[in-house]
Amino acid sequence: MRTLTNTLFALLPVFFLLIAPAHAERNFPPNVKPAELRGVEYPYVRIDDRTFRLAPGGRIYDTFNRIVLPNAAPKSGKVLFKLDPQGLVIKLWILTPEEIARLSQ
């Protein structure tokens, strides 16, 4: 019995590696194009040569699709962003190199 328990515990990490979800492809809204993030100084975001204000409740997503606070967001890189009707940034996605290549096609 003890050998069976030890064997099961030894195989447990292998099991978790096999069932771990793959990095899922993110879905972006239509009609968005990659832009260059040039700085984040809350509540402002500099994208390309324009400065935008983050909307109340605006979200910044990192490359793993986690929501990050503006002070934890990278200060530069390729991004996609979506504006609300008032022209405020409501969503901003930091892109991975694979996403940049896919969106550039």
C-alpha atoms as a PDB file:
ATOM      1  CA  MET A   1       0.000   0.000   0.000  1.00  0.00           C
ATOM      2  CA  ARG A   2       2.800   2.374   0.895  1.00  0.00           C
ATOM      3  CA  THR A   3       4.565   1.722  -2.429  1.00  0.00           C
ATOM      4  CA  LEU A   4       1.373   2.500  -4.329  1.00  0.00           C
ATOM      5  CA  THR A   5       0.955   5.788  -2.449  1.00  0.00           C
ATOM      6  CA  ASN A   6       4.574   6.781  -3.094  1.00  0.00           C
ATOM      7  CA  THR A   7       4.212   5.945  -6.784  1.00  0.00           C
ATOM      8  CA  LEU A   8       1.057   8.055  -7.063  1.00  0.00           C
ATOM      9  CA  PHE A   9       2.742  11.014  -5.372  1.00  0.00           C
ATOM     10  CA  ALA A  10       5.742  10.622  -7.676  1.00  0.00           C
ATOM     11  CA  LEU A  11       3.500  10.705 -10.760  1.00  0.00           C
ATOM     12  CA  LEU A  12       1.428  13.658  -9.567  1.00  0.00           C
ATOM     13  CA  PRO A  13       3.740  16.373 -11.036  1.00  0.00           C
ATOM     14  CA  VAL A  14       3.736  14.561 -14.389  1.00  0.00           C
ATOM     15  CA  PHE A  15      -0.057  14.500 -14.332  1.00  0.00           C
ATOM     16  CA  PHE A  16      -0.256  18.246 -13.697  1.00  0.00           C
ATOM     17  CA  LEU A  17       2.176  18.948 -16.537  1.00  0.00           C
ATOM     18  CA  LEU A  18       0.064  16.902 -18.924  1.00  0.00           C
ATOM     19  CA  ILE A  19      -3.215  18.575 -18.040  1.00  0.00           C
ATOM     20  CA  ALA A  20      -1.832  22.105 -17.762  1.00  0.00           C
ATOM     21  CA  PRO A  21      -3.661  24.348 -20.220  1.00  0.00           C
ATOM     22  CA  ALA A  22      -1.675  25.694 -23.128  1.00  0.00           C
ATOM     23  CA  HIS A  23      -1.219  29.429 -23.525  1.00  0.00           C
ATOM     24  CA  ALA A  24      -4.525  30.257 -25.175  1.00  0.00           C
ATOM     25  CA  GLU A  25      -4.720  32.628 -28.108  1.00  0.00           C
ATOM     26  CA  ARG A  26      -6.281  35.927 -27.109  1.00  0.00           C
ATOM     27  CA  ASN A  27      -9.192  37.381 -29.009  1.00  0.00           C
ATOM     28  CA  PHE A  28      -8.945  41.087 -29.782  1.00  0.00           C
ATOM     29  CA  PRO A  29     -11.707  43.412 -30.958  1.00  0.00           C
ATOM     30  CA  PRO A  30     -11.944  43.939 -34.712  1.00  0.00           C
ATOM     31  CA  ASN A  31     -10.355  46.950 -36.409  1.00  0.00           C
ATOM     32  CA  VAL A  32      -7.498  47.447 -33.946  1.00  0.00           C
ATOM     33  CA  LYS A  33      -3.918  47.872 -35.098  1.00  0.00           C
ATOM     34  CA  PRO A  34      -0.651  47.505 -33.228  1.00  0.00           C
ATOM     35  CA  ALA A  35       0.762  50.708 -31.778  1.00  0.00           C
ATOM     36  CA  GLU A  36       3.879  51.583 -29.822  1.00  0.00           C
ATOM     37  CA  LEU A  37       3.532  52.208 -26.083  1.00  0.00           C
ATOM     38  CA  ARG A  38       5.878  55.037 -25.109  1.00  0.00           C
ATOM     39  CA  GLY A  39       5.019  55.538 -21.448  1.00  0.00           C
ATOM     40  CA  VAL A  40       2.509  55.063 -18.654  1.00  0.00           C
ATOM     41  CA  GLU A  41       2.137  57.753 -16.023  1.00  0.00           C
ATOM     42  CA  TYR A  42      -1.213  57.242 -14.365  1.00  0.00           C
ATOM     43  CA  PRO A  43      -3.762  58.399 -15.460  1.00  0.00           C
ATOM     44  CA  TYR A  44      -2.055  59.077 -18.805  1.00  0.00           C
ATOM     45  CA  VAL A  45      -0.785  56.645 -21.421  1.00  0.00           C
ATOM     46  CA  ARG A  46       1.478  57.717 -24.270  1.00  0.00           C
ATOM     47  CA  ILE A  47       0.797  55.682 -27.407  1.00  0.00           C
ATOM     48  CA  ASP A  48       2.717  56.479 -30.578  1.00  0.00           C
ATOM     49  CA  ASP A  49       2.835  60.295 -30.587  1.00  0.00           C
ATOM     50  CA  ARG A  50      -0.429  60.886 -28.710  1.00  0.00           C
ATOM     51  CA  THR A  51      -1.243  61.048 -25.022  1.00  0.00           C
ATOM     52  CA  PHE A  52      -4.458  59.422 -23.866  1.00  0.00           C
ATOM     53  CA  ARG A  53      -6.128  59.290 -20.490  1.00  0.00           C
ATOM     54  CA  LEU A  54      -7.087  55.952 -18.939  1.00  0.00           C
ATOM     55  CA  ALA A  55     -10.838  55.635 -18.463  1.00  0.00           C
ATOM     56  CA  PRO A  56     -12.218  55.030 -14.975  1.00  0.00           C
ATOM     57  CA  GLY A  57     -12.147  51.256 -14.793  1.00  0.00           C
ATOM     58  CA  GLY A  58      -9.753  51.052 -17.748  1.00  0.00           C
ATOM     59  CA  ARG A  59      -7.804  47.816 -17.882  1.00  0.00           C
ATOM     60  CA  ILE A  60      -4.259  47.022 -18.911  1.00  0.00           C
ATOM     61  CA  TYR A  61      -3.639  43.380 -19.838  1.00  0.00           C
ATOM     62  CA  ASP A  62      -0.129  41.915 -19.761  1.00  0.00           C
ATOM     63  CA  THR A  63       1.187  39.252 -22.143  1.00  0.00           C
ATOM     64  CA  PHE A  64      -0.436  36.510 -20.015  1.00  0.00           C
ATOM     65  CA  ASN A  65      -3.806  38.319 -20.204  1.00  0.00           C
ATOM     66  CA  ARG A  66      -3.666  39.285 -16.531  1.00  0.00           C
ATOM     67  CA  ILE A  67      -4.906  42.703 -15.470  1.00  0.00           C
ATOM     68  CA  VAL A  68      -2.016  44.825 -14.205  1.00  0.00           C
ATOM     69  CA  LEU A  69      -2.002  48.156 -12.418  1.00  0.00           C
ATOM     70  CA  PRO A  70      -0.707  51.122 -14.410  1.00  0.00           C
ATOM     71  CA  ASN A  71       2.413  51.432 -12.235  1.00  0.00           C
ATOM     72  CA  ALA A  72       3.231  47.742 -12.924  1.00  0.00           C
ATOM     73  CA  ALA A  73       2.690  48.001 -16.690  1.00  0.00           C
ATOM     74  CA  PRO A  74       5.731  48.050 -18.962  1.00  0.00           C
ATOM     75  CA  LYS A  75       6.735  51.520 -20.099  1.00  0.00           C
ATOM     76  CA  SER A  76       7.283  50.536 -23.726  1.00  0.00           C
ATOM     77  CA  GLY A  77       6.377  47.861 -26.236  1.00  0.00           C
ATOM     78  CA  LYS A  78       3.830  46.969 -28.878  1.00  0.00           C
ATOM     79  CA  VAL A  79       0.214  47.225 -27.765  1.00  0.00           C
ATOM     80  CA  LEU A  80      -3.374  47.200 -28.932  1.00  0.00           C
ATOM     81  CA  PHE A  81      -5.804  49.615 -27.363  1.00  0.00           C
ATOM     82  CA  LYS A  82      -9.493  50.375 -27.432  1.00  0.00           C
ATOM     83  CA  LEU A  83     -11.060  53.773 -26.781  1.00  0.00           C
ATOM     84  CA  ASP A  84     -14.430  54.394 -25.178  1.00  0.00           C
ATOM     85  CA  PRO A  85     -16.924  56.903 -26.700  1.00  0.00           C
ATOM     86  CA  GLN A  86     -15.255  59.787 -24.821  1.00  0.00           C
ATOM     87  CA  GLY A  87     -11.835  58.973 -26.296  1.00  0.00           C
ATOM     88  CA  LEU A  88     -10.428  57.443 -23.097  1.00  0.00           C
ATOM     89  CA  VAL A  89      -8.418  54.216 -23.144  1.00  0.00           C
ATOM     90  CA  ILE A  90     -10.753  51.534 -21.811  1.00  0.00           C
ATOM     91  CA  LYS A  91      -8.576  48.497 -22.679  1.00  0.00           C
ATOM     92  CA  LEU A  92      -4.890  48.126 -23.494  1.00  0.00           C
ATOM     93  CA  TRP A  93      -3.208  44.833 -24.357  1.00  0.00           C
ATOM     94  CA  ILE A  94       0.564  44.343 -24.152  1.00  0.00           C
ATOM     95  CA  LEU A  95       1.425  42.089 -27.106  1.00  0.00           C
ATOM     96  CA  THR A  96       3.669  39.042 -27.214  1.00  0.00           C
ATOM     97  CA  PRO A  97       6.169  38.684 -30.097  1.00  0.00           C
ATOM     98  CA  GLU A  98       3.945  35.974 -31.629  1.00  0.00           C
ATOM     99  CA  GLU A  99       0.912  38.279 -31.546  1.00  0.00           C
ATOM    100  CA  ILE A 100       2.918  41.120 -33.105  1.00  0.00           C
ATOM    101  CA  ALA A 101       3.943  38.816 -35.961  1.00  0.00           C
ATOM    102  CA  ARG A 102       0.396  37.533 -36.432  1.00  0.00           C
ATOM    103  CA  LEU A 103      -1.158  41.017 -36.431  1.00  0.00           C
ATOM    104  CA  SER A 104       1.472  42.416 -38.802  1.00  0.00           C
ATOM    105  CA  GLN A 105       0.407  40.035 -41.580  1.00  0.00           C
END
